[in-house]
Amino acid sequence: MPKIITVIPTYNEAENLPGITSEVFSLNIEGLEILVIDDASPDGTGQVADNLAKLYSERYHVIHRPGKMGLGTAYVQGFTWALNAGADFIIQMDADFSHSPKYIPQFLTLIPDYDVVVGSRYVPGGKLDERWGWGRWFLSWWANSVWTRLLLGVETKDATAGFKCWRASALKSIGLEQIRSNGYIFQVESCYLAEKSGLRIKEIPIYFEDRHIGKSKMTLAVKAEAALRVFEIRLRHRNRKASAPMEE
């Protein structure tokens, strides 16, 4: 069976982590493991993760970082760890239940035929939480359907998606060491590099639900900063030529 590592960055997710862990493992997928990267959460998420590691033994791993170092660096460190651990497939997801584990079996069914499977809010059948206000919905739609397409030319409908399944070979091909995005813009940069690398990308519709517990970290200021940093991505990778689609 393939080795599958689910990478979950955390910051103040002590109340959500046991539940999301239980739901992921309740899928009973052979070879599935979890890696938590915690940024010294003041609410004790790191200790919760350590307790879960004792409970689930070799299926559960924890990286403790000295402070709030950002989502982007957490994913790069987590992906690198997973690759070094011999993962065949790497799943990325949030701990707050906005990404339902129920889609993971569908990811794993499709990934043998693709390089990246994306849980998308903006393909037919995809849906956002009904509690989103009009302004929040419009900003998310604009970022994906207008801004990233205009500046980067990406074709992926949900370029800011944070729920994905990668082949190990796909992550190696995009060059993780070239990624400099430190916040949520990491999702855009990794999507852009995936397309530039000629990866076969499949988007599947998901229902994106608001977090169950705690406060969202996606403030208006964070979103505005992410929008401006799209310019940096274009500049940083301006000399990278598009590759032909990867083949088996």
C-alpha atoms as a PDB file:
ATOM      1  CA  MET A   1       0.000   0.000   0.000  1.00  0.00           C
ATOM      2  CA  PRO A   2       1.171   3.550  -0.677  1.00  0.00           C
ATOM      3  CA  LYS A   3       2.339   5.696   2.204  1.00  0.00           C
ATOM      4  CA  ILE A   4       0.072   8.733   2.654  1.00  0.00           C
ATOM      5  CA  ILE A   5       0.961  11.613   4.964  1.00  0.00           C
ATOM      6  CA  THR A   6      -1.603  14.272   5.813  1.00  0.00           C
ATOM      7  CA  VAL A   7       0.138  17.550   6.657  1.00  0.00           C
ATOM      8  CA  ILE A   8      -1.777  19.822   9.054  1.00  0.00           C
ATOM      9  CA  PRO A   9      -0.245  23.165  10.133  1.00  0.00           C
ATOM     10  CA  THR A  10      -1.648  24.459  13.423  1.00  0.00           C
ATOM     11  CA  TYR A  11      -1.810  27.632  15.442  1.00  0.00           C
ATOM     12  CA  ASN A  12      -4.309  27.718  18.320  1.00  0.00           C
ATOM     13  CA  GLU A  13      -6.233  24.631  17.224  1.00  0.00           C
ATOM     14  CA  ALA A  14      -6.220  22.737  20.544  1.00  0.00           C
ATOM     15  CA  GLU A  15      -9.994  22.283  20.513  1.00  0.00           C
ATOM     16  CA  ASN A  16     -10.199  21.215  16.862  1.00  0.00           C
ATOM     17  CA  LEU A  17      -7.185  18.915  16.608  1.00  0.00           C
ATOM     18  CA  PRO A  18      -8.549  15.823  18.442  1.00  0.00           C
ATOM     19  CA  GLY A  19     -11.739  15.892  16.374  1.00  0.00           C
ATOM     20  CA  ILE A  20     -10.094  16.315  12.975  1.00  0.00           C
ATOM     21  CA  THR A  21      -7.570  13.608  13.891  1.00  0.00           C
ATOM     22  CA  SER A  22     -10.340  11.197  14.836  1.00  0.00           C
ATOM     23  CA  GLU A  23     -12.244  11.867  11.614  1.00  0.00           C
ATOM     24  CA  VAL A  24      -9.168  11.375   9.427  1.00  0.00           C
ATOM     25  CA  PHE A  25      -8.277   8.069  11.059  1.00  0.00           C
ATOM     26  CA  SER A  26     -11.907   6.897  11.077  1.00  0.00           C
ATOM     27  CA  LEU A  27     -11.628   6.665   7.279  1.00  0.00           C
ATOM     28  CA  ASN A  28      -9.611   3.477   7.922  1.00  0.00           C
ATOM     29  CA  ILE A  29      -7.248   4.099   5.017  1.00  0.00           C
ATOM     30  CA  GLU A  30      -4.266   1.791   5.143  1.00  0.00           C
ATOM     31  CA  GLY A  31      -0.939   3.609   5.114  1.00  0.00           C
ATOM     32  CA  LEU A  32      -2.444   6.944   6.185  1.00  0.00           C
ATOM     33  CA  GLU A  33      -0.461   9.024   8.686  1.00  0.00           C
ATOM     34  CA  ILE A  34      -0.740  12.564  10.082  1.00  0.00           C
ATOM     35  CA  LEU A  35       1.972  15.173  10.510  1.00  0.00           C
ATOM     36  CA  VAL A  36       1.169  18.249  12.613  1.00  0.00           C
ATOM     37  CA  ILE A  37       3.389  21.333  12.388  1.00  0.00           C
ATOM     38  CA  ASP A  38       2.650  23.576  15.345  1.00  0.00           C
ATOM     39  CA  ASP A  39       3.913  27.152  15.648  1.00  0.00           C
ATOM     40  CA  ALA A  40       4.214  27.263  19.453  1.00  0.00           C
ATOM     41  CA  SER A  41       0.473  27.795  19.883  1.00  0.00           C
ATOM     42  CA  PRO A  42      -0.224  29.586  23.162  1.00  0.00           C
ATOM     43  CA  ASP A  43      -3.422  27.570  23.648  1.00  0.00           C
ATOM     44  CA  GLY A  44      -1.478  24.320  24.069  1.00  0.00           C
ATOM     45  CA  THR A  45      -2.050  22.801  20.639  1.00  0.00           C
ATOM     46  CA  GLY A  46       1.477  21.398  20.695  1.00  0.00           C
ATOM     47  CA  GLN A  47       0.819  19.432  23.886  1.00  0.00           C
ATOM     48  CA  VAL A  48      -2.488  18.167  22.484  1.00  0.00           C
ATOM     49  CA  ALA A  49      -0.606  16.996  19.400  1.00  0.00           C
ATOM     50  CA  ASP A  50       2.001  15.225  21.556  1.00  0.00           C
ATOM     51  CA  ASN A  51      -0.776  13.419  23.442  1.00  0.00           C
ATOM     52  CA  LEU A  52      -2.324  12.305  20.159  1.00  0.00           C
ATOM     53  CA  ALA A  53       1.075  11.078  18.985  1.00  0.00           C
ATOM     54  CA  LYS A  54       1.237   8.839  22.054  1.00  0.00           C
ATOM     55  CA  LEU A  55      -2.267   7.567  21.339  1.00  0.00           C
ATOM     56  CA  TYR A  56      -1.714   6.824  17.653  1.00  0.00           C
ATOM     57  CA  SER A  57       1.961   5.906  17.945  1.00  0.00           C
ATOM     58  CA  GLU A  58       3.797   5.562  14.623  1.00  0.00           C
ATOM     59  CA  ARG A  59       0.863   6.937  12.622  1.00  0.00           C
ATOM     60  CA  TYR A  60       1.119  10.407  14.163  1.00  0.00           C
ATOM     61  CA  HIS A  61       4.012  12.857  14.001  1.00  0.00           C
ATOM     62  CA  VAL A  62       4.571  16.343  15.405  1.00  0.00           C
ATOM     63  CA  ILE A  63       6.981  19.129  14.506  1.00  0.00           C
ATOM     64  CA  HIS A  64       7.275  21.898  17.104  1.00  0.00           C
ATOM     65  CA  ARG A  65       8.438  25.262  15.834  1.00  0.00           C
ATOM     66  CA  PRO A  66       9.718  28.054  18.098  1.00  0.00           C
ATOM     67  CA  GLY A  67       7.108  30.660  17.164  1.00  0.00           C
ATOM     68  CA  LYS A  68       4.532  31.828  14.655  1.00  0.00           C
ATOM     69  CA  MET A  69       6.570  31.378  11.492  1.00  0.00           C
ATOM     70  CA  GLY A  70       3.760  31.336   8.944  1.00  0.00           C
ATOM     71  CA  LEU A  71       1.620  28.928   6.960  1.00  0.00           C
ATOM     72  CA  GLY A  72       3.889  28.852   3.925  1.00  0.00           C
ATOM     73  CA  THR A  73       7.030  27.819   5.773  1.00  0.00           C
ATOM     74  CA  ALA A  74       4.996  25.282   7.763  1.00  0.00           C
ATOM     75  CA  TYR A  75       3.875  23.580   4.560  1.00  0.00           C
ATOM     76  CA  VAL A  76       7.331  23.648   3.002  1.00  0.00           C
ATOM     77  CA  GLN A  77       8.807  22.089   6.149  1.00  0.00           C
ATOM     78  CA  GLY A  78       5.976  19.574   6.401  1.00  0.00           C
ATOM     79  CA  PHE A  79       6.160  18.583   2.736  1.00  0.00           C
ATOM     80  CA  THR A  80       9.926  18.190   2.959  1.00  0.00           C
ATOM     81  CA  TRP A  81       9.574  16.019   6.060  1.00  0.00           C
ATOM     82  CA  ALA A  82       6.941  13.865   4.339  1.00  0.00           C
ATOM     83  CA  LEU A  83       9.106  13.402   1.241  1.00  0.00           C
ATOM     84  CA  ASN A  84      12.090  12.418   3.372  1.00  0.00           C
ATOM     85  CA  ALA A  85       9.852   9.960   5.232  1.00  0.00           C
ATOM     86  CA  GLY A  86       9.067   8.200   1.952  1.00  0.00           C
ATOM     87  CA  ALA A  87       5.505   9.388   1.379  1.00  0.00           C
ATOM     88  CA  ASP A  88       3.967   8.461  -1.961  1.00  0.00           C
ATOM     89  CA  PHE A  89       1.082  10.916  -1.597  1.00  0.00           C
ATOM     90  CA  ILE A  90       0.874  14.045   0.568  1.00  0.00           C
ATOM     91  CA  ILE A  91      -2.413  15.634   1.603  1.00  0.00           C
ATOM     92  CA  GLN A  92      -2.596  19.197   2.880  1.00  0.00           C
ATOM     93  CA  MET A  93      -5.548  20.415   4.918  1.00  0.00           C
ATOM     94  CA  ASP A  94      -6.643  22.702   7.742  1.00  0.00           C
ATOM     95  CA  ALA A  95      -7.393  21.558  11.274  1.00  0.00           C
ATOM     96  CA  ASP A  96     -10.586  23.596  11.659  1.00  0.00           C
ATOM     97  CA  PHE A  97     -13.026  21.343   9.706  1.00  0.00           C
ATOM     98  CA  SER A  98     -13.340  23.780   6.800  1.00  0.00           C
ATOM     99  CA  HIS A  99     -11.843  20.870   4.835  1.00  0.00           C
ATOM    100  CA  SER A 100     -13.922  17.781   5.476  1.00  0.00           C
ATOM    101  CA  PRO A 101     -11.926  14.530   5.669  1.00  0.00           C
ATOM    102  CA  LYS A 102     -14.770  12.798   3.805  1.00  0.00           C
ATOM    103  CA  TYR A 103     -13.208  13.975   0.524  1.00  0.00           C
ATOM    104  CA  ILE A 104      -9.884  12.225   1.163  1.00  0.00           C
ATOM    105  CA  PRO A 105     -10.988   8.851  -0.292  1.00  0.00           C
ATOM    106  CA  GLN A 106     -12.000  10.653  -3.497  1.00  0.00           C
ATOM    107  CA  PHE A 107      -8.596  12.364  -3.606  1.00  0.00           C
ATOM    108  CA  LEU A 108      -6.854   9.013  -3.308  1.00  0.00           C
ATOM    109  CA  THR A 109      -9.050   7.401  -5.953  1.00  0.00           C
ATOM    110  CA  LEU A 110      -8.122  10.116  -8.477  1.00  0.00           C
ATOM    111  CA  ILE A 111      -4.462  10.782  -7.649  1.00  0.00           C
ATOM    112  CA  PRO A 112      -3.085   7.766  -9.581  1.00  0.00           C
ATOM    113  CA  ASP A 113      -4.269   9.507 -12.778  1.00  0.00           C
ATOM    114  CA  TYR A 114      -3.162  13.032 -11.841  1.00  0.00           C
ATOM    115  CA  ASP A 115      -0.313  14.855 -10.126  1.00  0.00           C
ATOM    116  CA  VAL A 116      -2.428  17.113  -7.924  1.00  0.00           C
ATOM    117  CA  VAL A 117      -6.055  16.798  -6.834  1.00  0.00           C
ATOM    118  CA  VAL A 118      -7.579  20.044  -5.559  1.00  0.00           C
ATOM    119  CA  GLY A 119     -10.622  20.405  -3.335  1.00  0.00           C
ATOM    120  CA  SER A 120     -12.252  23.313  -5.144  1.00  0.00           C
ATOM    121  CA  ARG A 121     -14.966  25.754  -4.158  1.00  0.00           C
ATOM    122  CA  TYR A 122     -15.258  27.188  -7.659  1.00  0.00           C
ATOM    123  CA  VAL A 123     -15.914  24.275  -9.991  1.00  0.00           C
ATOM    124  CA  PRO A 124     -19.498  23.088 -10.674  1.00  0.00           C
ATOM    125  CA  GLY A 125     -20.799  21.470  -7.521  1.00  0.00           C
ATOM    126  CA  GLY A 126     -18.401  23.356  -5.239  1.00  0.00           C
ATOM    127  CA  LYS A 127     -20.020  25.408  -2.505  1.00  0.00           C
ATOM    128  CA  LEU A 128     -19.160  27.935   0.186  1.00  0.00           C
ATOM    129  CA  ASP A 129     -20.645  28.083   3.660  1.00  0.00           C
ATOM    130  CA  GLU A 130     -24.007  29.854   3.497  1.00  0.00           C
ATOM    131  CA  ARG A 131     -22.944  32.025   6.438  1.00  0.00           C
ATOM    132  CA  TRP A 132     -20.402  33.869   4.292  1.00  0.00           C
ATOM    133  CA  GLY A 133     -21.402  37.470   3.703  1.00  0.00           C
ATOM    134  CA  TRP A 134     -21.584  38.942   0.214  1.00  0.00           C
ATOM    135  CA  GLY A 135     -18.366  40.923   0.684  1.00  0.00           C
ATOM    136  CA  ARG A 136     -16.392  37.914   1.857  1.00  0.00           C
ATOM    137  CA  TRP A 137     -17.707  35.786  -1.003  1.00  0.00           C
ATOM    138  CA  PHE A 138     -16.934  38.470  -3.582  1.00  0.00           C
ATOM    139  CA  LEU A 139     -13.357  38.978  -2.361  1.00  0.00           C
ATOM    140  CA  SER A 140     -12.647  35.233  -2.520  1.00  0.00           C
ATOM    141  CA  TRP A 141     -14.260  34.906  -5.957  1.00  0.00           C
ATOM    142  CA  TRP A 142     -12.383  37.964  -7.263  1.00  0.00           C
ATOM    143  CA  ALA A 143      -9.032  36.674  -5.996  1.00  0.00           C
ATOM    144  CA  ASN A 144      -9.490  33.365  -7.797  1.00  0.00           C
ATOM    145  CA  SER A 145     -11.477  34.287 -10.897  1.00  0.00           C
ATOM    146  CA  VAL A 146      -9.950  37.676 -11.715  1.00  0.00           C
ATOM    147  CA  TRP A 147      -6.792  38.655  -9.835  1.00  0.00           C
ATOM    148  CA  THR A 148      -4.665  35.496 -10.035  1.00  0.00           C
ATOM    149  CA  ARG A 149      -5.811  34.825 -13.594  1.00  0.00           C
ATOM    150  CA  LEU A 150      -5.000  38.354 -14.695  1.00  0.00           C
ATOM    151  CA  LEU A 151      -1.550  38.572 -13.099  1.00  0.00           C
ATOM    152  CA  LEU A 152      -0.358  34.960 -13.247  1.00  0.00           C
ATOM    153  CA  GLY A 153      -2.485  33.384 -15.949  1.00  0.00           C
ATOM    154  CA  VAL A 154      -3.430  30.423 -13.757  1.00  0.00           C
ATOM    155  CA  GLU A 155      -6.178  28.169 -15.053  1.00  0.00           C
ATOM    156  CA  THR A 156      -7.008  26.440 -11.782  1.00  0.00           C
ATOM    157  CA  LYS A 157     -10.413  27.722 -10.675  1.00  0.00           C
ATOM    158  CA  ASP A 158      -9.540  27.706  -6.968  1.00  0.00           C
ATOM    159  CA  ALA A 159      -5.948  28.953  -6.900  1.00  0.00           C
ATOM    160  CA  THR A 160      -6.179  29.758  -3.192  1.00  0.00           C
ATOM    161  CA  ALA A 161      -7.383  26.277  -2.215  1.00  0.00           C
ATOM    162  CA  GLY A 162      -5.659  24.791   0.823  1.00  0.00           C
ATOM    163  CA  PHE A 163      -7.096  21.262   0.518  1.00  0.00           C
ATOM    164  CA  LYS A 164      -5.042  19.189  -1.917  1.00  0.00           C
ATOM    165  CA  CYS A 165      -3.478  15.809  -2.538  1.00  0.00           C
ATOM    166  CA  TRP A 166      -0.045  15.754  -4.179  1.00  0.00           C
ATOM    167  CA  ARG A 167       2.027  13.002  -5.671  1.00  0.00           C
ATOM    168  CA  ALA A 168       5.494  13.002  -4.135  1.00  0.00           C
ATOM    169  CA  SER A 169       6.963  13.405  -7.619  1.00  0.00           C
ATOM    170  CA  ALA A 170       4.798  16.495  -8.170  1.00  0.00           C
ATOM    171  CA  LEU A 171       6.070  18.235  -5.047  1.00  0.00           C
ATOM    172  CA  LYS A 172       9.638  17.432  -6.035  1.00  0.00           C
ATOM    173  CA  SER A 173       9.102  18.868  -9.499  1.00  0.00           C
ATOM    174  CA  ILE A 174       7.807  22.294  -8.423  1.00  0.00           C
ATOM    175  CA  GLY A 175      10.928  23.052  -6.364  1.00  0.00           C
ATOM    176  CA  LEU A 176       9.844  23.627  -2.778  1.00  0.00           C
ATOM    177  CA  GLU A 177      13.108  25.421  -2.108  1.00  0.00           C
ATOM    178  CA  GLN A 178      12.008  28.147  -4.541  1.00  0.00           C
ATOM    179  CA  ILE A 179       8.837  28.985  -2.633  1.00  0.00           C
ATOM    180  CA  ARG A 180       9.193  32.151  -0.567  1.00  0.00           C
ATOM    181  CA  SER A 181       5.563  32.875   0.349  1.00  0.00           C
ATOM    182  CA  ASN A 182       5.190  32.819   4.098  1.00  0.00           C
ATOM    183  CA  GLY A 183       1.429  33.237   4.551  1.00  0.00           C
ATOM    184  CA  TYR A 184      -1.765  32.204   2.807  1.00  0.00           C
ATOM    185  CA  ILE A 185      -0.328  33.347  -0.520  1.00  0.00           C
ATOM    186  CA  PHE A 186       1.636  30.077  -0.356  1.00  0.00           C
ATOM    187  CA  GLN A 187      -1.429  28.423  -1.885  1.00  0.00           C
ATOM    188  CA  VAL A 188      -1.262  30.690  -4.937  1.00  0.00           C
ATOM    189  CA  GLU A 189       2.485  30.269  -5.386  1.00  0.00           C
ATOM    190  CA  SER A 190       2.335  26.464  -5.180  1.00  0.00           C
ATOM    191  CA  CYS A 191      -0.594  26.435  -7.632  1.00  0.00           C
ATOM    192  CA  TYR A 192       1.294  28.683 -10.043  1.00  0.00           C
ATOM    193  CA  LEU A 193       4.414  26.510  -9.870  1.00  0.00           C
ATOM    194  CA  ALA A 194       2.331  23.372 -10.353  1.00  0.00           C
ATOM    195  CA  GLU A 195       0.906  24.767 -13.574  1.00  0.00           C
ATOM    196  CA  LYS A 196       4.295  26.059 -14.730  1.00  0.00           C
ATOM    197  CA  SER A 197       5.735  22.571 -14.107  1.00  0.00           C
ATOM    198  CA  GLY A 198       3.156  20.993 -16.400  1.00  0.00           C
ATOM    199  CA  LEU A 199       1.457  19.011 -13.639  1.00  0.00           C
ATOM    200  CA  ARG A 200      -1.828  17.273 -14.311  1.00  0.00           C
ATOM    201  CA  ILE A 201      -4.288  19.031 -12.001  1.00  0.00           C
ATOM    202  CA  LYS A 202      -7.774  17.771 -11.196  1.00  0.00           C
ATOM    203  CA  GLU A 203     -10.255  19.919  -9.293  1.00  0.00           C
ATOM    204  CA  ILE A 204     -13.130  18.255  -7.468  1.00  0.00           C
ATOM    205  CA  PRO A 205     -16.049  20.133  -5.906  1.00  0.00           C
ATOM    206  CA  ILE A 206     -16.143  20.448  -2.124  1.00  0.00           C
ATOM    207  CA  TYR A 207     -18.335  22.159   0.417  1.00  0.00           C
ATOM    208  CA  PHE A 208     -16.163  24.668   2.248  1.00  0.00           C
ATOM    209  CA  GLU A 209     -17.531  25.098   5.756  1.00  0.00           C
ATOM    210  CA  ASP A 210     -16.617  27.788   8.258  1.00  0.00           C
ATOM    211  CA  ARG A 211     -14.461  26.597  11.149  1.00  0.00           C
ATOM    212  CA  HIS A 212     -16.260  24.734  13.934  1.00  0.00           C
ATOM    213  CA  ILE A 213     -14.375  26.277  16.865  1.00  0.00           C
ATOM    214  CA  GLY A 214     -12.143  29.331  17.236  1.00  0.00           C
ATOM    215  CA  LYS A 215     -11.586  32.492  15.250  1.00  0.00           C
ATOM    216  CA  SER A 216     -10.601  32.624  11.599  1.00  0.00           C
ATOM    217  CA  LYS A 217      -7.079  33.822  10.893  1.00  0.00           C
ATOM    218  CA  MET A 218      -8.096  35.132   7.458  1.00  0.00           C
ATOM    219  CA  THR A 219      -8.653  38.780   8.338  1.00  0.00           C
ATOM    220  CA  LEU A 220      -9.195  41.501   5.756  1.00  0.00           C
ATOM    221  CA  ALA A 221      -5.614  42.692   6.288  1.00  0.00           C
ATOM    222  CA  VAL A 222      -4.272  39.186   5.618  1.00  0.00           C
ATOM    223  CA  LYS A 223      -6.310  38.960   2.421  1.00  0.00           C
ATOM    224  CA  ALA A 224      -5.160  42.372   1.218  1.00  0.00           C
ATOM    225  CA  GLU A 225      -1.515  41.479   1.859  1.00  0.00           C
ATOM    226  CA  ALA A 226      -1.944  38.196  -0.014  1.00  0.00           C
ATOM    227  CA  ALA A 227      -3.414  40.037  -3.017  1.00  0.00           C
ATOM    228  CA  LEU A 228      -0.432  42.400  -3.172  1.00  0.00           C
ATOM    229  CA  ARG A 229       2.070  39.551  -2.895  1.00  0.00           C
ATOM    230  CA  VAL A 230       0.795  38.060  -6.157  1.00  0.00           C
ATOM    231  CA  PHE A 231       3.053  40.656  -7.822  1.00  0.00           C
ATOM    232  CA  GLU A 232       6.036  39.177  -5.962  1.00  0.00           C
ATOM    233  CA  ILE A 233       5.227  35.696  -7.248  1.00  0.00           C
ATOM    234  CA  ARG A 234       5.133  36.914 -10.825  1.00  0.00           C
ATOM    235  CA  LEU A 235       8.431  38.758 -10.401  1.00  0.00           C
ATOM    236  CA  ARG A 236      10.174  35.927  -8.543  1.00  0.00           C
ATOM    237  CA  HIS A 237       9.383  33.310 -11.174  1.00  0.00           C
ATOM    238  CA  ARG A 238       9.488  35.534 -14.256  1.00  0.00           C
ATOM    239  CA  ASN A 239      12.298  33.517 -15.831  1.00  0.00           C
ATOM    240  CA  ARG A 240      10.728  30.126 -15.220  1.00  0.00           C
ATOM    241  CA  LYS A 241       9.496  28.645 -18.481  1.00  0.00           C
ATOM    242  CA  ALA A 242       6.383  26.549 -18.646  1.00  0.00           C
ATOM    243  CA  SER A 243       7.014  22.803 -18.925  1.00  0.00           C
ATOM    244  CA  ALA A 244       5.146  20.302 -21.041  1.00  0.00           C
ATOM    245  CA  PRO A 245       2.573  18.206 -19.158  1.00  0.00           C
ATOM    246  CA  MET A 246       4.159  15.441 -17.098  1.00  0.00           C
ATOM    247  CA  GLU A 247       3.749  11.877 -18.241  1.00  0.00           C
ATOM    248  CA  GLU A 248       3.827   8.591 -16.422  1.00  0.00           C
END
